[in-house]
């Protein structure tokens, strides 16, 4: 089963979920705000893609961090710990599907992967 991670009030997540529904792609939704994300899951994503791929430095949450906090992120462990505390810093949505791992919404990538 495809698993989609995100937050319900995120416009990008809404676009992705709408696309999946319109293309009859079944999925399970994991809400970061309600359920959080485990350190193990973040480690898994980092191993597959690198944390730089899902640490969203373009988002409001990152931009609102104190400069000292931003500068304190020196290692992968620092970054993953911060992302676990502030899940809204994860590039959304995250889609997992039998080894496929994708961050964000890209209709052409979705079409290619899901064959739609």
N, C-alpha and C. Protein backbone atom coordinates (compact mmCIF):
# COMPACT_ATOMS: atom_id res chain seq x y z
N UNK A 1 0.85 -1.18 0.00
CA UNK A 1 0.00 0.00 0.00
C UNK A 1 0.89 1.24 0.00
N UNK A 2 0.52 2.19 -0.80
CA UNK A 2 1.23 3.47 -0.88
C UNK A 2 0.97 4.23 0.41
N UNK A 3 2.01 4.84 0.92
CA UNK A 3 1.88 5.64 2.14
C UNK A 3 2.26 7.07 1.80
N UNK A 4 1.39 8.00 2.19
CA UNK A 4 1.62 9.42 1.96
C UNK A 4 1.76 10.09 3.32
N UNK A 5 2.87 10.79 3.50
CA UNK A 5 3.13 11.52 4.74
C UNK A 5 2.96 13.01 4.45
N UNK A 6 2.32 13.72 5.38
CA UNK A 6 2.17 15.15 5.20
C UNK A 6 1.33 15.75 6.31
N UNK A 7 0.85 16.96 6.07
CA UNK A 7 -0.08 17.62 6.98
C UNK A 7 -1.29 18.05 6.16
N UNK A 8 -2.45 17.96 6.77
CA UNK A 8 -3.69 18.14 6.02
C UNK A 8 -3.91 19.55 5.50
N UNK A 9 -3.36 20.56 6.14
CA UNK A 9 -3.61 21.93 5.70
C UNK A 9 -2.55 22.47 4.73
N UNK A 10 -1.67 21.59 4.25
CA UNK A 10 -0.62 21.99 3.30
C UNK A 10 -1.18 21.93 1.88
N UNK A 11 -1.07 23.03 1.14
CA UNK A 11 -1.60 23.08 -0.22
C UNK A 11 -0.94 22.07 -1.15
N UNK A 12 0.34 21.84 -1.00
CA UNK A 12 1.05 20.88 -1.85
C UNK A 12 0.55 19.46 -1.56
N UNK A 13 0.33 19.16 -0.29
CA UNK A 13 -0.22 17.85 0.08
C UNK A 13 -1.61 17.70 -0.52
N UNK A 14 -2.42 18.74 -0.41
CA UNK A 14 -3.78 18.69 -0.98
C UNK A 14 -3.74 18.41 -2.48
N UNK A 15 -2.83 19.07 -3.20
CA UNK A 15 -2.69 18.83 -4.65
C UNK A 15 -2.33 17.37 -4.92
N UNK A 16 -1.39 16.85 -4.16
CA UNK A 16 -0.95 15.47 -4.36
C UNK A 16 -2.08 14.49 -4.07
N UNK A 17 -2.79 14.70 -2.96
CA UNK A 17 -3.89 13.80 -2.61
C UNK A 17 -5.01 13.87 -3.65
N UNK A 18 -5.29 15.07 -4.13
CA UNK A 18 -6.30 15.22 -5.19
C UNK A 18 -5.88 14.46 -6.44
N UNK A 19 -4.60 14.58 -6.81
CA UNK A 19 -4.09 13.87 -7.98
C UNK A 19 -4.23 12.36 -7.81
N UNK A 20 -3.85 11.87 -6.63
CA UNK A 20 -3.94 10.43 -6.38
C UNK A 20 -5.39 9.96 -6.45
N UNK A 21 -6.31 10.72 -5.87
CA UNK A 21 -7.74 10.36 -5.92
C UNK A 21 -8.25 10.37 -7.35
N UNK A 22 -7.94 11.41 -8.10
CA UNK A 22 -8.40 11.52 -9.50
C UNK A 22 -7.88 10.39 -10.36
N UNK A 23 -6.73 9.86 -10.01
CA UNK A 23 -6.12 8.78 -10.79
C UNK A 23 -6.31 7.41 -10.15
N UNK A 24 -7.26 7.33 -9.22
CA UNK A 24 -7.62 6.07 -8.55
C UNK A 24 -6.42 5.32 -7.98
N UNK A 25 -5.53 6.08 -7.32
CA UNK A 25 -4.38 5.48 -6.64
C UNK A 25 -4.72 5.42 -5.16
N UNK A 26 -4.85 4.20 -4.63
CA UNK A 26 -5.16 4.03 -3.22
C UNK A 26 -3.93 4.33 -2.37
N UNK A 27 -4.15 4.93 -1.23
CA UNK A 27 -3.04 5.28 -0.35
C UNK A 27 -3.51 5.32 1.09
N UNK A 28 -2.53 5.27 1.98
CA UNK A 28 -2.76 5.46 3.41
C UNK A 28 -2.09 6.79 3.77
N UNK A 29 -2.78 7.63 4.55
CA UNK A 29 -2.24 8.94 4.89
C UNK A 29 -1.72 8.95 6.32
N UNK A 30 -0.53 9.51 6.48
CA UNK A 30 0.10 9.66 7.80
C UNK A 30 0.26 11.16 8.07
N UNK A 31 -0.45 11.66 9.04
CA UNK A 31 -0.44 13.09 9.37
C UNK A 31 0.69 13.39 10.37
N UNK A 32 1.69 14.14 9.89
CA UNK A 32 2.82 14.51 10.75
C UNK A 32 2.39 15.24 12.02
N UNK A 33 1.39 16.10 11.89
CA UNK A 33 0.98 16.91 13.04
C UNK A 33 0.38 16.05 14.14
N UNK A 34 -0.38 15.04 13.75
CA UNK A 34 -1.04 14.19 14.74
C UNK A 34 -0.17 13.02 15.19
N UNK A 35 0.60 12.46 14.25
CA UNK A 35 1.32 11.22 14.53
C UNK A 35 2.84 11.38 14.63
N UNK A 36 3.35 12.54 14.23
CA UNK A 36 4.80 12.74 14.26
C UNK A 36 5.49 11.85 13.24
N UNK A 37 6.80 11.72 13.39
CA UNK A 37 7.58 10.83 12.53
C UNK A 37 8.71 10.25 13.39
N UNK A 38 8.96 8.97 13.23
CA UNK A 38 9.95 8.31 14.08
C UNK A 38 11.37 8.63 13.60
N UNK A 39 12.29 8.53 14.53
CA UNK A 39 13.71 8.70 14.20
C UNK A 39 14.13 7.62 13.20
N UNK A 40 13.59 6.41 13.35
CA UNK A 40 13.92 5.32 12.43
C UNK A 40 13.47 5.64 11.01
N UNK A 41 12.28 6.22 10.86
CA UNK A 41 11.77 6.57 9.54
C UNK A 41 12.65 7.64 8.91
N UNK A 42 13.04 8.65 9.68
CA UNK A 42 13.93 9.70 9.16
C UNK A 42 15.28 9.12 8.75
N UNK A 43 15.79 8.19 9.54
CA UNK A 43 17.06 7.52 9.19
C UNK A 43 16.91 6.74 7.88
N UNK A 44 15.76 6.08 7.73
CA UNK A 44 15.49 5.31 6.51
C UNK A 44 15.47 6.24 5.28
N UNK A 45 14.76 7.36 5.40
CA UNK A 45 14.70 8.31 4.29
C UNK A 45 16.08 8.89 3.99
N UNK A 46 16.82 9.18 5.05
CA UNK A 46 18.18 9.71 4.86
C UNK A 46 19.05 8.69 4.13
N UNK A 47 18.95 7.43 4.51
CA UNK A 47 19.76 6.39 3.87
C UNK A 47 19.41 6.25 2.38
N UNK A 48 18.14 6.44 2.05
CA UNK A 48 17.70 6.29 0.66
C UNK A 48 17.95 7.53 -0.19
N UNK A 49 17.75 8.71 0.42
CA UNK A 49 17.76 9.93 -0.39
C UNK A 49 18.69 11.02 0.12
N UNK A 50 19.09 10.95 1.38
CA UNK A 50 19.88 12.03 1.99
C UNK A 50 18.94 13.06 2.60
N UNK A 51 19.23 13.46 3.82
CA UNK A 51 18.32 14.38 4.52
C UNK A 51 18.17 15.72 3.80
N UNK A 52 19.18 16.10 3.01
CA UNK A 52 19.10 17.37 2.28
C UNK A 52 17.92 17.39 1.32
N UNK A 53 17.50 16.20 0.89
CA UNK A 53 16.39 16.09 -0.06
C UNK A 53 15.05 16.40 0.61
N UNK A 54 14.93 16.13 1.91
CA UNK A 54 13.64 16.37 2.56
C UNK A 54 13.65 17.46 3.62
N UNK A 55 14.80 18.02 3.95
CA UNK A 55 14.85 19.17 4.85
C UNK A 55 14.52 20.40 4.02
N UNK A 56 13.34 20.95 4.23
CA UNK A 56 12.84 22.05 3.40
C UNK A 56 13.33 23.39 3.94
N UNK A 57 14.40 23.88 3.35
CA UNK A 57 14.94 25.17 3.77
C UNK A 57 14.26 26.34 3.06
N UNK A 58 13.31 26.05 2.18
CA UNK A 58 12.56 27.11 1.50
C UNK A 58 11.28 27.45 2.25
N UNK A 59 10.89 26.62 3.20
CA UNK A 59 9.61 26.79 3.88
C UNK A 59 9.66 27.80 5.02
N UNK A 60 8.49 28.18 5.44
CA UNK A 60 8.32 29.18 6.50
C UNK A 60 8.92 28.71 7.83
N UNK A 61 8.77 27.43 8.14
CA UNK A 61 9.28 26.94 9.43
C UNK A 61 10.79 27.15 9.52
N UNK A 62 11.52 26.81 8.47
CA UNK A 62 12.97 27.02 8.46
C UNK A 62 13.29 28.51 8.54
N UNK A 63 12.59 29.30 7.75
CA UNK A 63 12.87 30.74 7.70
C UNK A 63 12.62 31.42 9.04
N UNK A 64 11.70 30.88 9.83
CA UNK A 64 11.37 31.49 11.13
C UNK A 64 12.29 31.02 12.26
N UNK A 65 13.16 30.08 11.99
CA UNK A 65 14.09 29.62 13.03
C UNK A 65 15.08 30.72 13.39
N UNK A 66 15.48 30.72 14.65
CA UNK A 66 16.53 31.65 15.07
C UNK A 66 17.80 31.34 14.29
N UNK A 67 18.56 32.35 13.91
CA UNK A 67 19.81 32.11 13.18
C UNK A 67 20.76 31.17 13.92
N UNK A 68 20.75 31.23 15.26
CA UNK A 68 21.62 30.35 16.04
C UNK A 68 21.24 28.89 15.83
N UNK A 69 19.93 28.62 15.74
CA UNK A 69 19.47 27.24 15.53
C UNK A 69 19.92 26.77 14.14
N UNK A 70 19.72 27.61 13.13
CA UNK A 70 20.13 27.24 11.77
C UNK A 70 21.63 26.93 11.72
N UNK A 71 22.41 27.79 12.36
CA UNK A 71 23.86 27.62 12.34
C UNK A 71 24.32 26.41 13.15
N UNK A 72 23.47 25.94 14.07
CA UNK A 72 23.85 24.80 14.91
C UNK A 72 23.70 23.46 14.18
N UNK A 73 23.07 23.48 13.00
CA UNK A 73 22.89 22.25 12.21
C UNK A 73 24.18 21.96 11.45
N UNK A 74 25.03 21.16 12.06
CA UNK A 74 26.35 20.88 11.48
C UNK A 74 26.47 19.44 10.97
N UNK A 75 25.63 18.54 11.51
CA UNK A 75 25.74 17.13 11.13
C UNK A 75 24.37 16.60 10.71
N UNK A 76 24.39 15.44 10.11
CA UNK A 76 23.15 14.75 9.74
C UNK A 76 22.30 14.53 10.99
N UNK A 77 22.92 14.12 12.08
CA UNK A 77 22.18 13.85 13.31
C UNK A 77 21.48 15.12 13.82
N UNK A 78 22.17 16.26 13.74
CA UNK A 78 21.56 17.54 14.14
C UNK A 78 20.32 17.81 13.30
N UNK A 79 20.46 17.63 12.00
CA UNK A 79 19.36 17.92 11.08
C UNK A 79 18.17 17.00 11.33
N UNK A 80 18.43 15.70 11.50
CA UNK A 80 17.34 14.76 11.70
C UNK A 80 16.62 14.99 13.02
N UNK A 81 17.38 15.36 14.04
CA UNK A 81 16.76 15.66 15.34
C UNK A 81 15.85 16.88 15.22
N UNK A 82 16.30 17.91 14.53
CA UNK A 82 15.49 19.11 14.35
C UNK A 82 14.23 18.80 13.54
N UNK A 83 14.37 18.03 12.47
CA UNK A 83 13.23 17.68 11.63
C UNK A 83 12.21 16.86 12.42
N UNK A 84 12.69 15.99 13.29
CA UNK A 84 11.76 15.19 14.09
C UNK A 84 10.97 16.08 15.04
N UNK A 85 11.61 17.11 15.57
CA UNK A 85 10.93 18.04 16.48
C UNK A 85 9.98 18.97 15.72
N UNK A 86 10.37 19.36 14.53
CA UNK A 86 9.59 20.30 13.72
C UNK A 86 9.25 19.64 12.38
N UNK A 87 8.26 18.78 12.41
CA UNK A 87 7.93 17.98 11.22
C UNK A 87 7.46 18.84 10.05
N UNK A 88 7.04 20.05 10.30
CA UNK A 88 6.60 20.90 9.19
C UNK A 88 7.79 21.35 8.34
N UNK A 89 9.01 21.00 8.74
CA UNK A 89 10.20 21.30 7.94
C UNK A 89 10.48 20.21 6.91
N UNK A 90 9.68 19.15 6.91
CA UNK A 90 9.86 18.07 5.93
C UNK A 90 9.17 18.49 4.63
N UNK A 91 9.89 18.35 3.53
CA UNK A 91 9.30 18.65 2.23
C UNK A 91 8.14 17.70 2.00
N UNK A 92 6.97 18.26 1.70
CA UNK A 92 5.75 17.48 1.62
C UNK A 92 5.15 17.50 0.23
N UNK A 93 4.36 16.45 -0.02
CA UNK A 93 4.22 15.21 0.74
C UNK A 93 5.40 14.28 0.50
N UNK A 94 5.49 13.29 1.37
CA UNK A 94 6.46 12.21 1.18
C UNK A 94 5.64 11.00 0.74
N UNK A 95 6.04 10.40 -0.36
CA UNK A 95 5.31 9.23 -0.87
C UNK A 95 6.26 8.04 -0.88
N UNK A 96 5.81 6.96 -0.25
CA UNK A 96 6.54 5.70 -0.25
C UNK A 96 5.68 4.66 -0.98
N UNK A 97 6.32 3.93 -1.89
CA UNK A 97 5.61 2.89 -2.63
C UNK A 97 6.60 1.82 -3.07
N UNK A 98 6.72 0.75 -2.28
CA UNK A 98 7.60 -0.36 -2.63
C UNK A 98 8.98 0.09 -3.11
N UNK A 99 9.67 0.84 -2.30
CA UNK A 99 11.01 1.29 -2.65
C UNK A 99 11.06 2.65 -3.32
N UNK A 100 9.94 3.08 -3.90
CA UNK A 100 9.85 4.42 -4.50
C UNK A 100 9.70 5.40 -3.35
N UNK A 101 10.50 6.45 -3.37
CA UNK A 101 10.45 7.48 -2.34
C UNK A 101 10.51 8.82 -3.04
N UNK A 102 9.49 9.64 -2.81
CA UNK A 102 9.42 10.92 -3.49
C UNK A 102 9.00 12.00 -2.51
N UNK A 103 9.64 13.17 -2.63
CA UNK A 103 9.35 14.31 -1.75
C UNK A 103 8.78 15.44 -2.60
N UNK A 104 7.60 15.94 -2.22
CA UNK A 104 6.99 17.04 -2.93
C UNK A 104 5.97 16.55 -3.96
N UNK A 105 5.41 17.49 -4.70
CA UNK A 105 4.43 17.15 -5.73
C UNK A 105 5.00 17.51 -7.09
N UNK A 106 5.06 16.52 -7.96
CA UNK A 106 5.51 16.70 -9.33
C UNK A 106 4.65 15.78 -10.19
N UNK A 107 3.68 16.39 -10.87
CA UNK A 107 2.71 15.60 -11.62
C UNK A 107 3.37 14.67 -12.63
N UNK A 108 4.40 15.14 -13.33
CA UNK A 108 5.05 14.28 -14.33
C UNK A 108 5.74 13.08 -13.67
N UNK A 109 6.35 13.28 -12.52
CA UNK A 109 6.98 12.16 -11.80
C UNK A 109 5.91 11.18 -11.32
N UNK A 110 4.79 11.69 -10.86
CA UNK A 110 3.69 10.83 -10.41
C UNK A 110 3.16 10.01 -11.59
N UNK A 111 2.94 10.69 -12.72
CA UNK A 111 2.42 9.99 -13.91
C UNK A 111 3.38 8.87 -14.32
N UNK A 112 4.65 9.18 -14.32
CA UNK A 112 5.65 8.19 -14.72
C UNK A 112 5.65 7.00 -13.76
N UNK A 113 5.65 7.28 -12.46
CA UNK A 113 5.73 6.20 -11.48
C UNK A 113 4.45 5.36 -11.45
N UNK A 114 3.30 6.03 -11.44
CA UNK A 114 2.04 5.33 -11.28
C UNK A 114 1.43 4.89 -12.62
N UNK A 115 2.08 5.23 -13.71
CA UNK A 115 1.63 4.80 -15.02
C UNK A 115 0.28 5.37 -15.42
N UNK A 116 0.06 6.62 -15.08
CA UNK A 116 -1.24 7.27 -15.37
C UNK A 116 -1.11 8.29 -16.48
